[in-house]
Amino acid sequence: MKKFIVVLVLLLAATAVYAQQINLGDFPVGKWLDHNYDAIWEFSSNNIKLHGTDGRLVYDFSGMVQDFRVFLDGLNPGISFACADTERSYRFVIQLNTNLKMEIERQNEPLYTVDMRKQ
């Protein structure tokens, strides 16, 4: 039993060290193109904005993000949040090919999914 507890503590410590090496506080910084809607998602350290490809601001999530969560999908870091104003839930996961997969849950509509490329 003591060996089991020691192994469990070591595994938990190793997991904590691994998680600390990933800076998820800045995930995903930059601009990502949603080619289906000709829209650019802009992630900064403290805000999320949606722009048209012509540069016009479509939506500023400042102060509107609810239930923000950072997670790992396998080994891929991700974020998720909801927005009552848009009545949608958003999920973003970095893929192995460095694309950003976005999923949007919308009321009374099918799940929207797109792989976005960094701009």
PDB file of N, CA and C in Angstrom:
ATOM      1  N   MET A   1       0.822  -1.197   0.000  1.00  0.00           N
ATOM      2  CA  MET A   1       0.000   0.000   0.000  1.00  0.00           C
ATOM      3  C   MET A   1       0.864   1.259   0.000  1.00  0.00           C
ATOM      4  N   LYS A   2       1.954   1.236   0.761  1.00  0.00           N
ATOM      5  CA  LYS A   2       2.837   2.394   0.819  1.00  0.00           C
ATOM      6  C   LYS A   2       3.460   2.660  -0.543  1.00  0.00           C
ATOM      7  N   LYS A   3       3.820   1.589  -1.261  1.00  0.00           N
ATOM      8  CA  LYS A   3       4.409   1.749  -2.593  1.00  0.00           C
ATOM      9  C   LYS A   3       3.408   2.404  -3.535  1.00  0.00           C
ATOM     10  N   PHE A   4       2.156   1.987  -3.447  1.00  0.00           N
ATOM     11  CA  PHE A   4       1.111   2.553  -4.285  1.00  0.00           C
ATOM     12  C   PHE A   4       0.966   4.053  -4.039  1.00  0.00           C
ATOM     13  N   ILE A   5       0.970   4.463  -2.785  1.00  0.00           N
ATOM     14  CA  ILE A   5       0.826   5.878  -2.434  1.00  0.00           C
ATOM     15  C   ILE A   5       2.029   6.671  -2.928  1.00  0.00           C
ATOM     16  N   VAL A   6       3.237   6.114  -2.778  1.00  0.00           N
ATOM     17  CA  VAL A   6       4.441   6.801  -3.248  1.00  0.00           C
ATOM     18  C   VAL A   6       4.389   6.986  -4.759  1.00  0.00           C
ATOM     19  N   VAL A   7       4.012   5.925  -5.483  1.00  0.00           N
ATOM     20  CA  VAL A   7       3.914   5.999  -6.947  1.00  0.00           C
ATOM     21  C   VAL A   7       2.850   7.020  -7.344  1.00  0.00           C
ATOM     22  N   LEU A   8       1.724   7.027  -6.671  1.00  0.00           N
ATOM     23  CA  LEU A   8       0.657   7.971  -6.968  1.00  0.00           C
ATOM     24  C   LEU A   8       1.119   9.412  -6.739  1.00  0.00           C
ATOM     25  N   VAL A   9       1.811   9.670  -5.650  1.00  0.00           N
ATOM     26  CA  VAL A   9       2.321  11.018  -5.362  1.00  0.00           C
ATOM     27  C   VAL A   9       3.327  11.431  -6.430  1.00  0.00           C
ATOM     28  N   LEU A  10       4.212  10.535  -6.829  1.00  0.00           N
ATOM     29  CA  LEU A  10       5.187  10.851  -7.879  1.00  0.00           C
ATOM     30  C   LEU A  10       4.502  11.157  -9.206  1.00  0.00           C
ATOM     31  N   LEU A  11       3.492  10.389  -9.564  1.00  0.00           N
ATOM     32  CA  LEU A  11       2.751  10.654 -10.806  1.00  0.00           C
ATOM     33  C   LEU A  11       2.048  12.000 -10.760  1.00  0.00           C
ATOM     34  N   LEU A  12       1.438  12.310  -9.638  1.00  0.00           N
ATOM     35  CA  LEU A  12       0.769  13.608  -9.495  1.00  0.00           C
ATOM     36  C   LEU A  12       1.777  14.750  -9.564  1.00  0.00           C
ATOM     37  N   ALA A  13       2.935  14.589  -8.952  1.00  0.00           N
ATOM     38  CA  ALA A  13       3.971  15.625  -9.009  1.00  0.00           C
ATOM     39  C   ALA A  13       4.474  15.801 -10.428  1.00  0.00           C
ATOM     40  N   ALA A  14       4.679  14.700 -11.150  1.00  0.00           N
ATOM     41  CA  ALA A  14       5.146  14.782 -12.535  1.00  0.00           C
ATOM     42  C   ALA A  14       4.110  15.469 -13.406  1.00  0.00           C
ATOM     43  N   THR A  15       2.853  15.184 -13.181  1.00  0.00           N
ATOM     44  CA  THR A  15       1.783  15.828 -13.938  1.00  0.00           C
ATOM     45  C   THR A  15       1.753  17.329 -13.655  1.00  0.00           C
ATOM     46  N   ALA A  16       1.927  17.714 -12.409  1.00  0.00           N
ATOM     47  CA  ALA A  16       1.920  19.134 -12.055  1.00  0.00           C
ATOM     48  C   ALA A  16       3.085  19.861 -12.715  1.00  0.00           C
ATOM     49  N   VAL A  17       4.249  19.249 -12.760  1.00  0.00           N
ATOM     50  CA  VAL A  17       5.410  19.872 -13.405  1.00  0.00           C
ATOM     51  C   VAL A  17       5.142  20.024 -14.888  1.00  0.00           C
ATOM     52  N   TYR A  18       4.591  18.997 -15.539  1.00  0.00           N
ATOM     53  CA  TYR A  18       4.290  19.070 -16.971  1.00  0.00           C
ATOM     54  C   TYR A  18       3.292  20.184 -17.254  1.00  0.00           C
ATOM     55  N   ALA A  19       2.233  20.293 -16.452  1.00  0.00           N
ATOM     56  CA  ALA A  19       1.215  21.315 -16.674  1.00  0.00           C
ATOM     57  C   ALA A  19       1.778  22.719 -16.479  1.00  0.00           C
ATOM     58  N   GLN A  20       2.728  22.878 -15.585  1.00  0.00           N
ATOM     59  CA  GLN A  20       3.295  24.192 -15.345  1.00  0.00           C
ATOM     60  C   GLN A  20       4.167  24.654 -16.503  1.00  0.00           C
ATOM     61  N   GLN A  21       4.669  23.739 -17.324  1.00  0.00           N
ATOM     62  CA  GLN A  21       5.530  24.106 -18.433  1.00  0.00           C
ATOM     63  C   GLN A  21       4.738  24.678 -19.606  1.00  0.00           C
ATOM     64  N   ILE A  22       3.449  24.446 -19.631  1.00  0.00           N
ATOM     65  CA  ILE A  22       2.608  24.972 -20.704  1.00  0.00           C
ATOM     66  C   ILE A  22       2.031  26.304 -20.246  1.00  0.00           C
ATOM     67  N   ASN A  23       2.278  27.358 -20.999  1.00  0.00           N
ATOM     68  CA  ASN A  23       1.761  28.671 -20.645  1.00  0.00           C
ATOM     69  C   ASN A  23       0.390  28.848 -21.281  1.00  0.00           C
ATOM     70  N   LEU A  24      -0.618  28.293 -20.677  1.00  0.00           N
ATOM     71  CA  LEU A  24      -1.966  28.376 -21.225  1.00  0.00           C
ATOM     72  C   LEU A  24      -2.622  29.724 -20.985  1.00  0.00           C
ATOM     73  N   GLY A  25      -2.001  30.554 -20.168  1.00  0.00           N
ATOM     74  CA  GLY A  25      -2.557  31.885 -19.941  1.00  0.00           C
ATOM     75  C   GLY A  25      -2.552  32.741 -21.195  1.00  0.00           C
ATOM     76  N   ASP A  26      -1.711  32.441 -22.130  1.00  0.00           N
ATOM     77  CA  ASP A  26      -1.620  33.197 -23.377  1.00  0.00           C
ATOM     78  C   ASP A  26      -2.233  32.454 -24.561  1.00  0.00           C
ATOM     79  N   PHE A  27      -2.959  31.387 -24.309  1.00  0.00           N
ATOM     80  CA  PHE A  27      -3.479  30.569 -25.405  1.00  0.00           C
ATOM     81  C   PHE A  27      -4.768  31.115 -25.956  1.00  0.00           C
ATOM     82  N   PRO A  28      -5.021  31.062 -27.211  1.00  0.00           N
ATOM     83  CA  PRO A  28      -4.074  31.113 -28.320  1.00  0.00           C
ATOM     84  C   PRO A  28      -3.915  32.558 -28.771  1.00  0.00           C
ATOM     85  N   VAL A  29      -2.790  33.147 -28.538  1.00  0.00           N
ATOM     86  CA  VAL A  29      -2.540  34.535 -28.912  1.00  0.00           C
ATOM     87  C   VAL A  29      -2.337  34.620 -30.421  1.00  0.00           C
ATOM     88  N   GLY A  30      -2.917  35.621 -31.025  1.00  0.00           N
ATOM     89  CA  GLY A  30      -2.754  35.814 -32.459  1.00  0.00           C
ATOM     90  C   GLY A  30      -4.086  35.899 -33.167  1.00  0.00           C
ATOM     91  N   LYS A  31      -4.004  35.868 -34.497  1.00  0.00           N
ATOM     92  CA  LYS A  31      -5.194  35.974 -35.343  1.00  0.00           C
ATOM     93  C   LYS A  31      -5.339  34.688 -36.150  1.00  0.00           C
ATOM     94  N   TRP A  32      -6.581  34.221 -36.237  1.00  0.00           N
ATOM     95  CA  TRP A  32      -6.880  32.954 -36.904  1.00  0.00           C
ATOM     96  C   TRP A  32      -8.016  33.168 -37.897  1.00  0.00           C
ATOM     97  N   LEU A  33      -7.868  32.646 -39.106  1.00  0.00           N
ATOM     98  CA  LEU A  33      -8.847  32.835 -40.175  1.00  0.00           C
ATOM     99  C   LEU A  33      -9.885  31.719 -40.190  1.00  0.00           C
ATOM    100  N   ASP A  34     -11.157  32.107 -40.070  1.00  0.00           N
ATOM    101  CA  ASP A  34     -12.293  31.206 -40.301  1.00  0.00           C
ATOM    102  C   ASP A  34     -12.676  31.417 -41.762  1.00  0.00           C
ATOM    103  N   HIS A  35     -12.197  30.535 -42.630  1.00  0.00           N
ATOM    104  CA  HIS A  35     -12.394  30.705 -44.070  1.00  0.00           C
ATOM    105  C   HIS A  35     -13.843  30.525 -44.505  1.00  0.00           C
ATOM    106  N   ASN A  36     -14.662  29.834 -43.710  1.00  0.00           N
ATOM    107  CA  ASN A  36     -16.075  29.654 -44.072  1.00  0.00           C
ATOM    108  C   ASN A  36     -16.842  30.969 -44.012  1.00  0.00           C
ATOM    109  N   TYR A  37     -16.495  31.807 -43.054  1.00  0.00           N
ATOM    110  CA  TYR A  37     -17.226  33.064 -42.859  1.00  0.00           C
ATOM    111  C   TYR A  37     -16.387  34.295 -43.155  1.00  0.00           C
ATOM    112  N   ASP A  38     -15.214  34.109 -43.752  1.00  0.00           N
ATOM    113  CA  ASP A  38     -14.318  35.239 -44.013  1.00  0.00           C
ATOM    114  C   ASP A  38     -14.202  36.123 -42.777  1.00  0.00           C
ATOM    115  N   ALA A  39     -13.894  35.461 -41.667  1.00  0.00           N
ATOM    116  CA  ALA A  39     -13.783  36.155 -40.391  1.00  0.00           C
ATOM    117  C   ALA A  39     -12.432  35.841 -39.757  1.00  0.00           C
ATOM    118  N   ILE A  40     -11.957  36.759 -38.966  1.00  0.00           N
ATOM    119  CA  ILE A  40     -10.689  36.571 -38.267  1.00  0.00           C
ATOM    120  C   ILE A  40     -10.944  36.682 -36.771  1.00  0.00           C
ATOM    121  N   TRP A  41     -10.590  35.612 -36.058  1.00  0.00           N
ATOM    122  CA  TRP A  41     -10.664  35.607 -34.604  1.00  0.00           C
ATOM    123  C   TRP A  41      -9.337  36.112 -34.078  1.00  0.00           C
ATOM    124  N   GLU A  42      -9.395  37.119 -33.209  1.00  0.00           N
ATOM    125  CA  GLU A  42      -8.181  37.684 -32.626  1.00  0.00           C
ATOM    126  C   GLU A  42      -8.168  37.408 -31.123  1.00  0.00           C
ATOM    127  N   PHE A  43      -7.137  36.694 -30.688  1.00  0.00           N
ATOM    128  CA  PHE A  43      -6.963  36.371 -29.274  1.00  0.00           C
ATOM    129  C   PHE A  43      -5.779  37.156 -28.738  1.00  0.00           C
ATOM    130  N   SER A  44      -5.998  37.923 -27.679  1.00  0.00           N
ATOM    131  CA  SER A  44      -4.905  38.602 -26.991  1.00  0.00           C
ATOM    132  C   SER A  44      -4.884  38.083 -25.562  1.00  0.00           C
ATOM    133  N   SER A  45      -3.966  38.561 -24.775  1.00  0.00           N
ATOM    134  CA  SER A  45      -3.841  38.043 -23.415  1.00  0.00           C
ATOM    135  C   SER A  45      -5.048  38.378 -22.543  1.00  0.00           C
ATOM    136  N   ASN A  46      -5.833  39.377 -22.943  1.00  0.00           N
ATOM    137  CA  ASN A  46      -6.960  39.760 -22.092  1.00  0.00           C
ATOM    138  C   ASN A  46      -8.281  39.960 -22.830  1.00  0.00           C
ATOM    139  N   ASN A  47      -8.362  39.566 -24.105  1.00  0.00           N
ATOM    140  CA  ASN A  47      -9.617  39.780 -24.830  1.00  0.00           C
ATOM    141  C   ASN A  47      -9.696  38.881 -26.062  1.00  0.00           C
ATOM    142  N   ILE A  48     -10.901  38.745 -26.566  1.00  0.00           N
ATOM    143  CA  ILE A  48     -11.185  38.008 -27.794  1.00  0.00           C
ATOM    144  C   ILE A  48     -12.058  38.909 -28.658  1.00  0.00           C
ATOM    145  N   LYS A  49     -11.671  39.062 -29.925  1.00  0.00           N
ATOM    146  CA  LYS A  49     -12.454  39.868 -30.861  1.00  0.00           C
ATOM    147  C   LYS A  49     -12.658  39.081 -32.152  1.00  0.00           C
ATOM    148  N   LEU A  50     -13.739  39.403 -32.832  1.00  0.00           N
ATOM    149  CA  LEU A  50     -14.042  38.821 -34.130  1.00  0.00           C
ATOM    150  C   LEU A  50     -14.091  39.949 -35.145  1.00  0.00           C
ATOM    151  N   HIS A  51     -13.302  39.827 -36.208  1.00  0.00           N
ATOM    152  CA  HIS A  51     -13.234  40.837 -37.258  1.00  0.00           C
ATOM    153  C   HIS A  51     -13.640  40.216 -38.587  1.00  0.00           C
ATOM    154  N   GLY A  52     -14.123  41.040 -39.485  1.00  0.00           N
ATOM    155  CA  GLY A  52     -14.286  40.626 -40.872  1.00  0.00           C
ATOM    156  C   GLY A  52     -12.917  40.644 -41.532  1.00  0.00           C
ATOM    157  N   THR A  53     -12.766  39.974 -42.653  1.00  0.00           N
ATOM    158  CA  THR A  53     -11.462  39.991 -43.336  1.00  0.00           C
ATOM    159  C   THR A  53     -11.149  41.377 -43.888  1.00  0.00           C
ATOM    160  N   ASP A  54     -12.155  42.252 -43.941  1.00  0.00           N
ATOM    161  CA  ASP A  54     -11.920  43.632 -44.370  1.00  0.00           C
ATOM    162  C   ASP A  54     -11.450  44.520 -43.218  1.00  0.00           C
ATOM    163  N   GLY A  55     -11.310  43.935 -42.009  1.00  0.00           N
ATOM    164  CA  GLY A  55     -10.805  44.670 -40.857  1.00  0.00           C
ATOM    165  C   GLY A  55     -11.868  45.230 -39.934  1.00  0.00           C
ATOM    166  N   ARG A  56     -13.132  45.247 -40.361  1.00  0.00           N
ATOM    167  CA  ARG A  56     -14.178  45.811 -39.501  1.00  0.00           C
ATOM    168  C   ARG A  56     -14.426  44.904 -38.295  1.00  0.00           C
ATOM    169  N   LEU A  57     -14.695  45.510 -37.155  1.00  0.00           N
ATOM    170  CA  LEU A  57     -14.971  44.765 -35.938  1.00  0.00           C
ATOM    171  C   LEU A  57     -16.389  44.198 -36.017  1.00  0.00           C
ATOM    172  N   VAL A  58     -16.507  42.887 -35.897  1.00  0.00           N
ATOM    173  CA  VAL A  58     -17.810  42.227 -35.905  1.00  0.00           C
ATOM    174  C   VAL A  58     -18.330  42.071 -34.482  1.00  0.00           C
ATOM    175  N   TYR A  59     -17.444  41.640 -33.562  1.00  0.00           N
ATOM    176  CA  TYR A  59     -17.870  41.457 -32.172  1.00  0.00           C
ATOM    177  C   TYR A  59     -16.660  41.543 -31.253  1.00  0.00           C
ATOM    178  N   ASP A  60     -16.838  42.241 -30.142  1.00  0.00           N
ATOM    179  CA  ASP A  60     -15.823  42.355 -29.104  1.00  0.00           C
ATOM    180  C   ASP A  60     -16.363  41.632 -27.875  1.00  0.00           C
ATOM    181  N   PHE A  61     -15.677  40.564 -27.467  1.00  0.00           N
ATOM    182  CA  PHE A  61     -16.130  39.755 -26.339  1.00  0.00           C
ATOM    183  C   PHE A  61     -15.748  40.348 -24.984  1.00  0.00           C
ATOM    184  N   SER A  62     -15.148  41.520 -24.961  1.00  0.00           N
ATOM    185  CA  SER A  62     -14.710  42.150 -23.724  1.00  0.00           C
ATOM    186  C   SER A  62     -15.873  42.244 -22.736  1.00  0.00           C
ATOM    187  N   GLY A  63     -15.698  41.649 -21.581  1.00  0.00           N
ATOM    188  CA  GLY A  63     -16.720  41.680 -20.546  1.00  0.00           C
ATOM    189  C   GLY A  63     -17.899  40.766 -20.803  1.00  0.00           C
ATOM    190  N   MET A  64     -17.882  40.006 -21.888  1.00  0.00           N
ATOM    191  CA  MET A  64     -19.016  39.150 -22.252  1.00  0.00           C
ATOM    192  C   MET A  64     -18.725  37.661 -22.063  1.00  0.00           C
ATOM    193  N   VAL A  65     -17.463  37.313 -21.813  1.00  0.00           N
ATOM    194  CA  VAL A  65     -17.063  35.911 -21.703  1.00  0.00           C
ATOM    195  C   VAL A  65     -17.499  35.349 -20.364  1.00  0.00           C
ATOM    196  N   GLN A  66     -18.160  34.188 -20.413  1.00  0.00           N
ATOM    197  CA  GLN A  66     -18.605  33.494 -19.213  1.00  0.00           C
ATOM    198  C   GLN A  66     -18.026  32.083 -19.229  1.00  0.00           C
ATOM    199  N   ASP A  67     -17.854  31.510 -18.067  1.00  0.00           N
ATOM    200  CA  ASP A  67     -17.419  30.116 -17.928  1.00  0.00           C
ATOM    201  C   ASP A  67     -16.139  29.828 -18.706  1.00  0.00           C
ATOM    202  N   PHE A  68     -15.189  30.768 -18.675  1.00  0.00           N
ATOM    203  CA  PHE A  68     -13.921  30.571 -19.375  1.00  0.00           C
ATOM    204  C   PHE A  68     -13.174  29.413 -18.738  1.00  0.00           C
ATOM    205  N   ARG A  69     -12.658  28.524 -19.577  1.00  0.00           N
ATOM    206  CA  ARG A  69     -11.973  27.330 -19.084  1.00  0.00           C
ATOM    207  C   ARG A  69     -10.791  27.024 -19.980  1.00  0.00           C
ATOM    208  N   VAL A  70      -9.662  26.686 -19.389  1.00  0.00           N
ATOM    209  CA  VAL A  70      -8.479  26.203 -20.093  1.00  0.00           C
ATOM    210  C   VAL A  70      -8.416  24.706 -19.858  1.00  0.00           C
ATOM    211  N   PHE A  71      -8.130  23.914 -20.878  1.00  0.00           N
ATOM    212  CA  PHE A  71      -8.129  22.457 -20.736  1.00  0.00           C
ATOM    213  C   PHE A  71      -7.121  21.830 -21.687  1.00  0.00           C
ATOM    214  N   LEU A  72      -6.915  20.538 -21.525  1.00  0.00           N
ATOM    215  CA  LEU A  72      -6.133  19.741 -22.460  1.00  0.00           C
ATOM    216  C   LEU A  72      -7.063  18.732 -23.103  1.00  0.00           C
ATOM    217  N   ASP A  73      -7.037  18.652 -24.425  1.00  0.00           N
ATOM    218  CA  ASP A  73      -7.781  17.651 -25.185  1.00  0.00           C
ATOM    219  C   ASP A  73      -6.739  16.649 -25.656  1.00  0.00           C
ATOM    220  N   GLY A  74      -6.513  15.604 -24.870  1.00  0.00           N
ATOM    221  CA  GLY A  74      -5.362  14.744 -25.102  1.00  0.00           C
ATOM    222  C   GLY A  74      -4.130  15.538 -24.714  1.00  0.00           C
ATOM    223  N   LEU A  75      -3.246  15.776 -25.670  1.00  0.00           N
ATOM    224  CA  LEU A  75      -2.070  16.617 -25.418  1.00  0.00           C
ATOM    225  C   LEU A  75      -2.248  18.009 -25.998  1.00  0.00           C
ATOM    226  N   ASN A  76      -3.396  18.269 -26.595  1.00  0.00           N
ATOM    227  CA  ASN A  76      -3.635  19.542 -27.266  1.00  0.00           C
ATOM    228  C   ASN A  76      -4.302  20.542 -26.324  1.00  0.00           C
ATOM    229  N   PRO A  77      -3.679  21.714 -26.117  1.00  0.00           N
ATOM    230  CA  PRO A  77      -4.295  22.719 -25.253  1.00  0.00           C
ATOM    231  C   PRO A  77      -5.517  23.354 -25.910  1.00  0.00           C
ATOM    232  N   GLY A  78      -6.456  23.744 -25.077  1.00  0.00           N
ATOM    233  CA  GLY A  78      -7.662  24.380 -25.597  1.00  0.00           C
ATOM    234  C   GLY A  78      -8.270  25.340 -24.599  1.00  0.00           C
ATOM    235  N   ILE A  79      -9.212  26.129 -25.091  1.00  0.00           N
ATOM    236  CA  ILE A  79      -9.999  27.019 -24.242  1.00  0.00           C
ATOM    237  C   ILE A  79     -11.464  26.865 -24.638  1.00  0.00           C
ATOM    238  N   SER A  80     -12.326  27.166 -23.709  1.00  0.00           N
ATOM    239  CA  SER A  80     -13.754  27.199 -24.016  1.00  0.00           C
ATOM    240  C   SER A  80     -14.387  28.314 -23.196  1.00  0.00           C
ATOM    241  N   PHE A  81     -15.474  28.830 -23.717  1.00  0.00           N
ATOM    242  CA  PHE A  81     -16.216  29.869 -23.000  1.00  0.00           C
ATOM    243  C   PHE A  81     -17.599  29.972 -23.601  1.00  0.00           C
ATOM    244  N   ALA A  82     -18.462  30.668 -22.896  1.00  0.00           N
ATOM    245  CA  ALA A  82     -19.820  30.935 -23.369  1.00  0.00           C
ATOM    246  C   ALA A  82     -20.007  32.443 -23.436  1.00  0.00           C
ATOM    247  N   CYS A  83     -21.005  32.862 -24.183  1.00  0.00           N
ATOM    248  CA  CYS A  83     -21.356  34.272 -24.274  1.00  0.00           C
ATOM    249  C   CYS A  83     -22.875  34.365 -24.326  1.00  0.00           C
ATOM    250  N   ALA A  84     -23.466  34.910 -23.282  1.00  0.00           N
ATOM    251  CA  ALA A  84     -24.928  35.030 -23.222  1.00  0.00           C
ATOM    252  C   ALA A  84     -25.451  35.956 -24.314  1.00  0.00           C
ATOM    253  N   ASP A  85     -24.693  36.996 -24.633  1.00  0.00           N
ATOM    254  CA  ASP A  85     -25.116  37.971 -25.638  1.00  0.00           C
ATOM    255  C   ASP A  85     -25.279  37.326 -27.017  1.00  0.00           C
ATOM    256  N   THR A  86     -24.360  36.449 -27.393  1.00  0.00           N
ATOM    257  CA  THR A  86     -24.453  35.773 -28.694  1.00  0.00           C
ATOM    258  C   THR A  86     -25.240  34.468 -28.609  1.00  0.00           C
ATOM    259  N   GLU A  87     -25.561  34.051 -27.378  1.00  0.00           N
ATOM    260  CA  GLU A  87     -26.271  32.796 -27.124  1.00  0.00           C
ATOM    261  C   GLU A  87     -25.536  31.601 -27.738  1.00  0.00           C
ATOM    262  N   ARG A  88     -24.206  31.591 -27.529  1.00  0.00           N
ATOM    263  CA  ARG A  88     -23.374  30.530 -28.089  1.00  0.00           C
ATOM    264  C   ARG A  88     -22.302  30.116 -27.088  1.00  0.00           C
ATOM    265  N   SER A  89     -21.831  28.887 -27.279  1.00  0.00           N
ATOM    266  CA  SER A  89     -20.681  28.377 -26.534  1.00  0.00           C
ATOM    267  C   SER A  89     -19.580  28.100 -27.544  1.00  0.00           C
ATOM    268  N   TYR A  90     -18.348  28.439 -27.176  1.00  0.00           N
ATOM    269  CA  TYR A  90     -17.209  28.345 -28.087  1.00  0.00           C
ATOM    270  C   TYR A  90     -16.154  27.423 -27.499  1.00  0.00           C
ATOM    271  N   ARG A  91     -15.510  26.676 -28.380  1.00  0.00           N
ATOM    272  CA  ARG A  91     -14.429  25.770 -27.968  1.00  0.00           C
ATOM    273  C   ARG A  91     -13.338  25.841 -29.027  1.00  0.00           C
ATOM    274  N   PHE A  92     -12.095  26.071 -28.582  1.00  0.00           N
ATOM    275  CA  PHE A  92     -10.955  26.187 -29.481  1.00  0.00           C
ATOM    276  C   PHE A  92      -9.869  25.223 -29.015  1.00  0.00           C
ATOM    277  N   VAL A  93      -9.335  24.413 -29.941  1.00  0.00           N
ATOM    278  CA  VAL A  93      -8.283  23.459 -29.603  1.00  0.00           C
ATOM    279  C   VAL A  93      -7.182  23.540 -30.645  1.00  0.00           C
ATOM    280  N   ILE A  94      -5.932  23.680 -30.181  1.00  0.00           N
ATOM    281  CA  ILE A  94      -4.788  23.649 -31.095  1.00  0.00           C
ATOM    282  C   ILE A  94      -4.610  22.211 -31.564  1.00  0.00           C
ATOM    283  N   GLN A  95      -4.507  22.014 -32.874  1.00  0.00           N
ATOM    284  CA  GLN A  95      -4.324  20.689 -33.457  1.00  0.00           C
ATOM    285  C   GLN A  95      -2.837  20.394 -33.638  1.00  0.00           C
ATOM    286  N   LEU A  96      -2.498  19.145 -33.882  1.00  0.00           N
ATOM    287  CA  LEU A  96      -1.102  18.756 -34.078  1.00  0.00           C
ATOM    288  C   LEU A  96      -0.466  19.469 -35.262  1.00  0.00           C
ATOM    289  N   ASN A  97      -1.265  19.799 -36.280  1.00  0.00           N
ATOM    290  CA  ASN A  97      -0.739  20.494 -37.455  1.00  0.00           C
ATOM    291  C   ASN A  97      -0.706  22.008 -37.253  1.00  0.00           C
ATOM    292  N   THR A  98      -0.863  22.459 -36.035  1.00  0.00           N
ATOM    293  CA  THR A  98      -0.867  23.863 -35.596  1.00  0.00           C
ATOM    294  C   THR A  98      -2.080  24.661 -36.066  1.00  0.00           C
ATOM    295  N   ASN A  99      -3.065  24.017 -36.667  1.00  0.00           N
ATOM    296  CA  ASN A  99      -4.319  24.702 -36.931  1.00  0.00           C
ATOM    297  C   ASN A  99      -5.090  24.830 -35.621  1.00  0.00           C
ATOM    298  N   LEU A 100      -6.060  25.682 -35.609  1.00  0.00           N
ATOM    299  CA  LEU A 100      -6.919  25.871 -34.452  1.00  0.00           C
ATOM    300  C   LEU A 100      -8.307  25.375 -34.824  1.00  0.00           C
ATOM    301  N   LYS A 101      -8.790  24.361 -34.139  1.00  0.00           N
ATOM    302  CA  LYS A 101     -10.126  23.844 -34.392  1.00  0.00           C
ATOM    303  C   LYS A 101     -11.113  24.613 -33.534  1.00  0.00           C
ATOM    304  N   MET A 102     -12.139  25.148 -34.177  1.00  0.00           N
ATOM    305  CA  MET A 102     -13.172  25.890 -33.469  1.00  0.00           C
ATOM    306  C   MET A 102     -14.489  25.151 -33.585  1.00  0.00           C
ATOM    307  N   GLU A 103     -15.195  25.067 -32.471  1.00  0.00           N
ATOM    308  CA  GLU A 103     -16.545  24.509 -32.447  1.00  0.00           C
ATOM    309  C   GLU A 103     -17.450  25.535 -31.775  1.00  0.00           C
ATOM    310  N   ILE A 104     -18.587  25.783 -32.394  1.00  0.00           N
ATOM    311  CA  ILE A 104     -19.558  26.713 -31.812  1.00  0.00           C
ATOM    312  C   ILE A 104     -20.885  25.982 -31.652  1.00  0.00           C
ATOM    313  N   GLU A 105     -21.376  25.964 -30.417  1.00  0.00           N
ATOM    314  CA  GLU A 105     -22.712  25.425 -30.145  1.00  0.00           C
ATOM    315  C   GLU A 105     -23.688  26.582 -30.191  1.00  0.00           C
ATOM    316  N   ARG A 106     -24.683  26.454 -31.082  1.00  0.00           N
ATOM    317  CA  ARG A 106     -25.682  27.506 -31.272  1.00  0.00           C
ATOM    318  C   ARG A 106     -27.058  26.935 -30.969  1.00  0.00           C
ATOM    319  N   GLN A 107     -27.923  27.753 -30.413  1.00  0.00           N
ATOM    320  CA  GLN A 107     -29.266  27.291 -30.089  1.00  0.00           C
ATOM    321  C   GLN A 107     -30.034  26.967 -31.368  1.00  0.00           C
ATOM    322  N   ASN A 108     -30.671  25.816 -31.378  1.00  0.00           N
ATOM    323  CA  ASN A 108     -31.527  25.376 -32.484  1.00  0.00           C
ATOM    324  C   ASN A 108     -30.806  25.306 -33.835  1.00  0.00           C
ATOM    325  N   GLU A 109     -29.492  25.147 -33.814  1.00  0.00           N
ATOM    326  CA  GLU A 109     -28.715  25.001 -35.042  1.00  0.00           C
ATOM    327  C   GLU A 109     -27.677  23.905 -34.830  1.00  0.00           C
ATOM    328  N   PRO A 110     -27.211  23.293 -35.904  1.00  0.00           N
ATOM    329  CA  PRO A 110     -26.195  22.248 -35.739  1.00  0.00           C
ATOM    330  C   PRO A 110     -24.863  22.819 -35.254  1.00  0.00           C
ATOM    331  N   LEU A 111     -24.033  21.949 -34.698  1.00  0.00           N
ATOM    332  CA  LEU A 111     -22.706  22.336 -34.242  1.00  0.00           C
ATOM    333  C   LEU A 111     -21.899  22.852 -35.425  1.00  0.00           C
ATOM    334  N   TYR A 112     -21.285  24.011 -35.266  1.00  0.00           N
ATOM    335  CA  TYR A 112     -20.436  24.586 -36.305  1.00  0.00           C
ATOM    336  C   TYR A 112     -18.994  24.247 -35.981  1.00  0.00           C
ATOM    337  N   THR A 113     -18.263  23.653 -36.919  1.00  0.00           N
ATOM    338  CA  THR A 113     -16.871  23.272 -36.731  1.00  0.00           C
ATOM    339  C   THR A 113     -16.048  23.730 -37.924  1.00  0.00           C
ATOM    340  N   VAL A 114     -14.868  24.276 -37.633  1.00  0.00           N
ATOM    341  CA  VAL A 114     -13.968  24.694 -38.712  1.00  0.00           C
ATOM    342  C   VAL A 114     -12.527  24.629 -38.208  1.00  0.00           C
ATOM    343  N   ASP A 115     -11.612  24.254 -39.096  1.00  0.00           N
ATOM    344  CA  ASP A 115     -10.179  24.336 -38.806  1.00  0.00           C
ATOM    345  C   ASP A 115      -9.692  25.676 -39.317  1.00  0.00           C
ATOM    346  N   MET A 116      -9.061  26.445 -38.415  1.00  0.00           N
ATOM    347  CA  MET A 116      -8.609  27.781 -38.788  1.00  0.00           C
ATOM    348  C   MET A 116      -7.085  27.800 -38.858  1.00  0.00           C
ATOM    349  N   ARG A 117      -6.565  28.622 -39.767  1.00  0.00           N
ATOM    350  CA  ARG A 117      -5.132  28.794 -39.920  1.00  0.00           C
ATOM    351  C   ARG A 117      -4.700  30.120 -39.308  1.00  0.00           C
ATOM    352  N   LYS A 118      -3.499  30.114 -38.722  1.00  0.00           N
ATOM    353  CA  LYS A 118      -2.984  31.338 -38.116  1.00  0.00           C
ATOM    354  C   LYS A 118      -2.625  32.337 -39.192  1.00  0.00           C
ATOM    355  N   GLN A 119      -2.940  33.594 -38.941  1.00  0.00           N
ATOM    356  CA  GLN A 119      -2.657  34.692 -39.888  1.00  0.00           C
ATOM    357  C   GLN A 119      -1.366  35.370 -39.558  1.00  0.00           C
TER     358      GLN A 119
END
